[in-house]
Amino acid sequence: MTYWQTTRFRIDLNRPKIMGIVNLTPDSFSDGGRYSHSLQAALKHAETLLKDGADILDIGGESTRPGSAHISEQEEWLRIKDVLAEVSRWQVPVSVDTRRSAVMREVLEHGFADIINDVQGLEDHGAVELLAQSPDTGICLMHMQGQPQTMQQRPEYRDVVAEVGAYLQRRSQICIDAGIAPERITLDPGFGFGKTLEHNCLLMQNLHHLCRPNRLPLLIGVSRKRMIGEITGRDIATERVSGSVAAALFAVRQGAAVIRVHDVRETADALKVWLRLNTSQAA
């Protein structure tokens, strides 16, 4: 049995899980800050994601889209704290999308997070040690080449699959050596984070290779991203739903355990049908 150990929940990963995105950033690429203007709007959106079939809520206060503006740690914390104070009382796993150890510390000290989802693999000073001291908190380690402000300016790799795989293996081993149990860790190749369309496609087609070295579960986030727009010709993020769902199902077929998405209802319905048809075929 494969599971993801988090602060309050042991999440069964034998069936793919859906992580619903709650962006609390005014400059989100996907929704233009639609849920950042009020606590009520953000909570209503989170409730809708759960009704639509989300298994996990992922809440973030810093935009990491290409070219995003820098904000302070204090500003990031102020954006998320009130929403976290409420949803952490709900009976659902709560993930906090942050790359700063100071924000992680606030979140953990307040008991607001089951999972820390870090786009730069716990590289911030003190992050690994902090999580090692926090019993059972789940972790997602993501690969990113460069920084959000510049990462899409001519990213280069000799072998993107090998290099991303080596990075994820190295970061996960650092965590394990620090005393973080492997069952607390998932890995994310970081689609669109310092990668061209060709790099993204190669990673997606070779997800099974990323699963092999340490056999840790994969979390995949391609929802509404530029790669979907480049493939489909859809320039507007909200018009990339069908392409995003197709990519999510492909990722599950390649071994992804968790799918991070904006469009939960559409993804959940597609996943139910896909799983049923595959089960029937196997029978």
Protein backbone atom coordinates (compact mmCIF):
# COMPACT_ATOMS: atom_id res chain seq x y z
CA MET A 1 0.00 0.00 0.00
CA THR A 2 1.30 3.44 -0.98
CA TYR A 3 0.41 6.39 1.21
CA TRP A 4 1.44 9.98 1.92
CA GLN A 5 1.94 10.70 5.61
CA THR A 6 0.83 14.21 6.56
CA THR A 7 0.25 16.00 9.85
CA ARG A 8 -3.33 14.81 10.41
CA PHE A 9 -3.93 12.38 7.56
CA ARG A 10 -2.42 9.28 6.03
CA ILE A 11 -3.46 9.75 2.40
CA ASP A 12 -4.01 6.53 0.44
CA LEU A 13 -2.27 6.92 -2.93
CA ASN A 14 -3.35 3.61 -4.41
CA ARG A 15 -6.04 5.68 -6.12
CA PRO A 16 -4.90 9.01 -7.66
CA LYS A 17 -5.75 12.06 -5.58
CA ILE A 18 -6.82 15.53 -6.74
CA MET A 19 -5.26 18.62 -5.18
CA GLY A 20 -7.44 21.71 -5.69
CA ILE A 21 -5.69 25.07 -6.07
CA VAL A 22 -6.66 28.10 -3.97
CA ASN A 23 -4.63 31.07 -5.24
CA LEU A 24 -4.56 34.04 -2.87
CA THR A 25 -2.36 36.13 -5.14
CA PRO A 26 -3.59 39.24 -6.99
CA ASP A 27 -1.39 38.39 -10.00
CA SER A 28 -2.25 34.72 -10.50
CA PHE A 29 -1.78 33.63 -14.14
CA SER A 30 -4.87 31.39 -14.02
CA ASP A 31 -7.57 33.48 -12.38
CA GLY A 32 -6.21 37.02 -12.17
CA GLY A 33 -6.54 37.29 -8.41
CA ARG A 34 -10.21 36.35 -8.41
CA TYR A 35 -10.09 34.87 -4.91
CA SER A 36 -7.56 37.18 -3.26
CA HIS A 37 -9.83 40.16 -2.63
CA SER A 38 -11.83 38.74 0.29
CA LEU A 39 -11.81 35.97 2.86
CA GLN A 40 -15.38 35.06 1.94
CA ALA A 41 -14.54 34.60 -1.74
CA ALA A 42 -11.53 32.43 -0.97
CA LEU A 43 -13.44 30.20 1.47
CA LYS A 44 -16.36 29.82 -0.92
CA HIS A 45 -13.95 28.77 -3.66
CA ALA A 46 -12.30 26.22 -1.31
CA GLU A 47 -15.72 24.80 -0.41
CA THR A 48 -16.61 24.51 -4.09
CA LEU A 49 -13.39 22.63 -4.83
CA LEU A 50 -14.22 20.11 -2.10
CA LYS A 51 -17.78 19.64 -3.36
CA ASP A 52 -16.41 19.12 -6.87
CA GLY A 53 -14.14 16.31 -5.69
CA ALA A 54 -10.86 17.71 -4.39
CA ASP A 55 -9.05 15.43 -1.93
CA ILE A 56 -6.52 18.09 -0.84
CA LEU A 57 -6.58 21.90 -0.78
CA ASP A 58 -3.39 23.72 -1.82
CA ILE A 59 -3.25 27.33 -0.61
CA GLY A 60 -0.62 29.82 -1.76
CA GLY A 61 0.09 33.50 -1.27
CA GLU A 62 3.05 34.09 -3.59
CA SER A 63 2.78 33.98 -7.35
CA THR A 64 5.59 31.94 -8.91
CA ARG A 65 4.48 32.35 -12.52
CA PRO A 66 7.21 33.36 -15.00
CA GLY A 67 8.10 37.02 -14.47
CA SER A 68 6.17 37.33 -11.23
CA ALA A 69 6.95 40.20 -8.87
CA HIS A 70 8.82 39.69 -5.61
CA ILE A 71 6.88 40.11 -2.35
CA SER A 72 8.04 40.02 1.26
CA GLU A 73 7.63 37.07 3.58
CA GLN A 74 5.33 39.17 5.74
CA GLU A 75 3.07 40.00 2.79
CA GLU A 76 2.87 36.33 1.81
CA TRP A 77 1.92 35.35 5.37
CA LEU A 78 -0.74 38.07 5.61
CA ARG A 79 -2.34 36.86 2.39
CA ILE A 80 -2.82 33.29 3.59
CA LYS A 81 -3.17 33.30 7.37
CA ASP A 82 -6.91 34.04 7.69
CA VAL A 83 -7.91 31.46 5.08
CA LEU A 84 -5.63 28.88 6.68
CA ALA A 85 -7.07 29.60 10.13
CA GLU A 86 -10.49 28.55 8.82
CA VAL A 87 -9.72 25.66 6.45
CA SER A 88 -7.34 24.03 8.92
CA ARG A 89 -10.44 23.30 11.01
CA TRP A 90 -12.04 21.40 8.14
CA GLN A 91 -11.60 17.65 7.88
CA VAL A 92 -9.49 17.82 4.74
CA PRO A 93 -5.72 17.76 4.13
CA VAL A 94 -4.39 21.32 3.77
CA SER A 95 -1.26 22.01 1.73
CA VAL A 96 0.56 25.35 1.88
CA ASP A 97 2.39 26.39 -1.27
CA THR A 98 5.45 28.31 -0.06
CA ARG A 99 9.20 28.30 -0.64
CA ARG A 100 10.22 30.43 2.37
CA SER A 101 11.26 28.88 5.64
CA ALA A 102 9.96 31.89 7.61
CA VAL A 103 6.46 31.39 6.20
CA MET A 104 6.72 27.63 6.77
CA ARG A 105 7.59 28.30 10.40
CA GLU A 106 4.53 30.53 10.90
CA VAL A 107 2.27 27.98 9.24
CA LEU A 108 3.60 25.08 11.30
CA GLU A 109 3.65 26.96 14.61
CA HIS A 110 -0.02 27.86 14.12
CA GLY A 111 -0.89 24.27 13.21
CA PHE A 112 -2.28 25.36 9.82
CA ALA A 113 -0.67 22.82 7.46
CA ASP A 114 -0.74 19.11 6.80
CA ILE A 115 1.62 19.52 3.83
CA ILE A 116 4.31 21.98 2.73
CA ASN A 117 4.44 22.25 -1.06
CA ASP A 118 7.75 23.91 -2.02
CA VAL A 119 8.58 24.89 -5.60
CA GLN A 120 12.29 25.02 -4.81
CA GLY A 121 12.71 21.73 -2.97
CA LEU A 122 13.27 23.06 0.59
CA GLU A 123 16.39 24.91 -0.52
CA ASP A 124 15.66 28.01 1.57
CA HIS A 125 17.97 28.31 4.56
CA GLY A 126 16.73 26.21 7.48
CA ALA A 127 13.77 24.68 5.63
CA VAL A 128 14.96 21.06 5.78
CA GLU A 129 15.83 21.34 9.48
CA LEU A 130 12.46 22.94 10.21
CA LEU A 131 10.53 20.15 8.52
CA ALA A 132 12.70 17.51 10.18
CA GLN A 133 11.59 18.92 13.54
CA SER A 134 7.92 18.90 12.53
CA PRO A 135 6.59 15.37 13.04
CA ASP A 136 4.61 13.89 10.15
CA THR A 137 4.14 17.05 8.06
CA GLY A 138 3.90 16.02 4.43
CA ILE A 139 6.32 17.53 1.91
CA CYS A 140 6.33 18.06 -1.84
CA LEU A 141 9.76 18.76 -3.34
CA MET A 142 9.65 20.43 -6.75
CA HIS A 143 12.34 21.09 -9.35
CA MET A 144 12.79 24.63 -10.65
CA GLN A 145 15.63 25.90 -12.82
CA GLY A 146 16.43 29.49 -11.85
CA GLN A 147 13.97 31.86 -10.16
CA PRO A 148 10.39 32.79 -11.13
CA GLN A 149 11.44 36.22 -12.36
CA THR A 150 13.88 34.80 -14.94
CA MET A 151 13.32 31.04 -15.18
CA GLN A 152 11.76 31.09 -18.67
CA GLN A 153 14.59 33.08 -20.21
CA ARG A 154 16.21 30.40 -22.39
CA PRO A 155 16.24 27.38 -20.03
CA GLU A 156 18.77 24.75 -21.09
CA TYR A 157 19.46 21.09 -20.26
CA ARG A 158 21.65 18.41 -21.75
CA ASP A 159 19.18 15.72 -20.65
CA VAL A 160 16.13 17.19 -18.92
CA VAL A 161 14.78 13.86 -17.68
CA ALA A 162 18.10 12.78 -16.17
CA GLU A 163 18.85 16.20 -14.66
CA VAL A 164 15.42 16.70 -13.11
CA GLY A 165 15.44 13.13 -11.83
CA ALA A 166 18.88 13.58 -10.28
CA TYR A 167 17.83 16.81 -8.58
CA LEU A 168 14.70 15.26 -7.07
CA GLN A 169 16.64 12.23 -5.88
CA ARG A 170 19.32 14.45 -4.33
CA ARG A 171 16.84 16.71 -2.53
CA SER A 172 14.78 13.81 -1.24
CA GLN A 173 17.91 12.07 0.05
CA ILE A 174 18.96 15.25 1.87
CA CYS A 175 15.55 15.25 3.58
CA ILE A 176 15.77 11.57 4.46
CA ASP A 177 19.29 12.00 5.84
CA ALA A 178 17.95 14.84 8.02
CA GLY A 179 15.43 12.45 9.57
CA ILE A 180 12.36 13.04 7.40
CA ALA A 181 10.61 9.73 6.76
CA PRO A 182 10.27 8.79 3.05
CA GLU A 183 6.52 8.29 3.39
CA ARG A 184 6.21 12.04 4.08
CA ILE A 185 7.73 12.98 0.70
CA THR A 186 6.29 13.43 -2.79
CA LEU A 187 8.17 14.76 -5.83
CA ASP A 188 7.16 17.25 -8.53
CA PRO A 189 9.14 17.65 -11.81
CA GLY A 190 8.06 21.31 -11.99
CA PHE A 191 6.37 21.66 -15.37
CA GLY A 192 6.86 25.18 -16.70
CA PHE A 193 9.42 26.14 -14.06
CA GLY A 194 12.52 26.81 -16.16
CA LYS A 195 11.48 24.50 -19.01
CA THR A 196 10.47 24.84 -22.65
CA LEU A 197 7.55 23.01 -24.22
CA GLU A 198 9.96 20.34 -25.47
CA HIS A 199 11.38 19.88 -21.96
CA ASN A 200 7.87 19.62 -20.50
CA CYS A 201 6.77 17.04 -23.05
CA LEU A 202 9.88 14.90 -22.50
CA LEU A 203 9.30 14.96 -18.74
CA MET A 204 5.64 14.02 -19.10
CA GLN A 205 6.45 11.17 -21.47
CA ASN A 206 9.09 9.85 -19.06
CA LEU A 207 7.42 10.22 -15.66
CA HIS A 208 7.90 6.51 -15.04
CA HIS A 209 11.68 7.06 -15.09
CA LEU A 210 11.37 9.71 -12.38
CA CYS A 211 9.47 7.23 -10.20
CA ARG A 212 12.19 4.59 -10.30
CA PRO A 213 15.26 5.80 -8.34
CA ASN A 214 13.70 6.16 -4.89
CA ARG A 215 10.12 5.07 -5.61
CA LEU A 216 8.61 8.17 -4.08
CA PRO A 217 5.15 9.26 -5.33
CA LEU A 218 4.86 11.97 -7.97
CA LEU A 219 2.72 15.08 -7.75
CA ILE A 220 2.02 16.67 -11.13
CA GLY A 221 0.85 20.21 -11.86
CA VAL A 222 0.19 21.19 -15.49
CA SER A 223 -3.25 22.74 -15.05
CA ARG A 224 -3.89 25.70 -17.40
CA LYS A 225 -0.14 26.18 -17.90
CA ARG A 226 1.54 27.67 -20.93
CA MET A 227 2.51 24.24 -22.25
CA ILE A 228 -1.20 23.42 -22.59
CA GLY A 229 -1.75 26.71 -24.39
CA GLU A 230 1.20 26.09 -26.73
CA ILE A 231 -0.10 22.64 -27.66
CA THR A 232 -3.76 23.66 -28.10
CA GLY A 233 -3.33 27.22 -29.35
CA ARG A 234 -5.37 28.58 -26.43
CA ASP A 235 -3.86 31.85 -25.24
CA ILE A 236 -6.35 32.41 -22.40
CA ALA A 237 -5.67 30.28 -19.32
CA THR A 238 -9.34 29.62 -18.54
CA GLU A 239 -9.80 28.13 -22.03
CA ARG A 240 -7.24 25.38 -21.36
CA VAL A 241 -9.51 23.13 -19.27
CA SER A 242 -9.89 20.27 -21.78
CA GLY A 243 -6.18 20.20 -22.54
CA SER A 244 -5.35 20.27 -18.83
CA VAL A 245 -7.67 17.33 -18.12
CA ALA A 246 -6.11 15.34 -20.97
CA ALA A 247 -2.63 16.00 -19.58
CA ALA A 248 -3.76 15.02 -16.08
CA LEU A 249 -5.07 11.66 -17.29
CA PHE A 250 -1.86 11.06 -19.25
CA ALA A 251 0.14 11.80 -16.10
CA VAL A 252 -1.92 9.33 -14.07
CA ARG A 253 -1.33 6.70 -16.74
CA GLN A 254 2.41 7.40 -16.41
CA GLY A 255 2.30 6.84 -12.66
CA ALA A 256 1.38 10.20 -11.09
CA ALA A 257 -0.19 9.80 -7.63
CA VAL A 258 -1.45 13.36 -7.08
CA ILE A 259 -2.78 15.82 -9.68
CA ARG A 260 -2.75 19.52 -8.78
CA VAL A 261 -5.52 21.30 -10.72
CA HIS A 262 -7.69 24.40 -10.96
CA ASP A 263 -10.66 22.65 -12.60
CA VAL A 264 -11.52 20.00 -10.04
CA ARG A 265 -14.98 18.99 -11.22
CA GLU A 266 -13.90 18.35 -14.81
CA THR A 267 -10.77 16.48 -13.70
CA ALA A 268 -12.65 14.40 -11.13
CA ASP A 269 -15.30 13.34 -13.66
CA ALA A 270 -12.71 12.43 -16.28
CA LEU A 271 -10.67 10.50 -13.74
CA LYS A 272 -13.72 8.51 -12.58
CA VAL A 273 -14.54 7.47 -16.13
CA TRP A 274 -10.91 6.69 -16.97
CA LEU A 275 -10.45 4.55 -13.86
CA ARG A 276 -13.71 2.69 -14.39
CA LEU A 277 -12.94 1.89 -18.02
CA ASN A 278 -9.44 0.74 -17.15
CA THR A 279 -10.76 -1.44 -14.33
CA SER A 280 -13.37 -2.97 -16.63
CA GLN A 281 -10.73 -3.61 -19.27
CA ALA A 282 -8.46 -5.30 -16.75
CA ALA A 283 -11.32 -7.51 -15.58
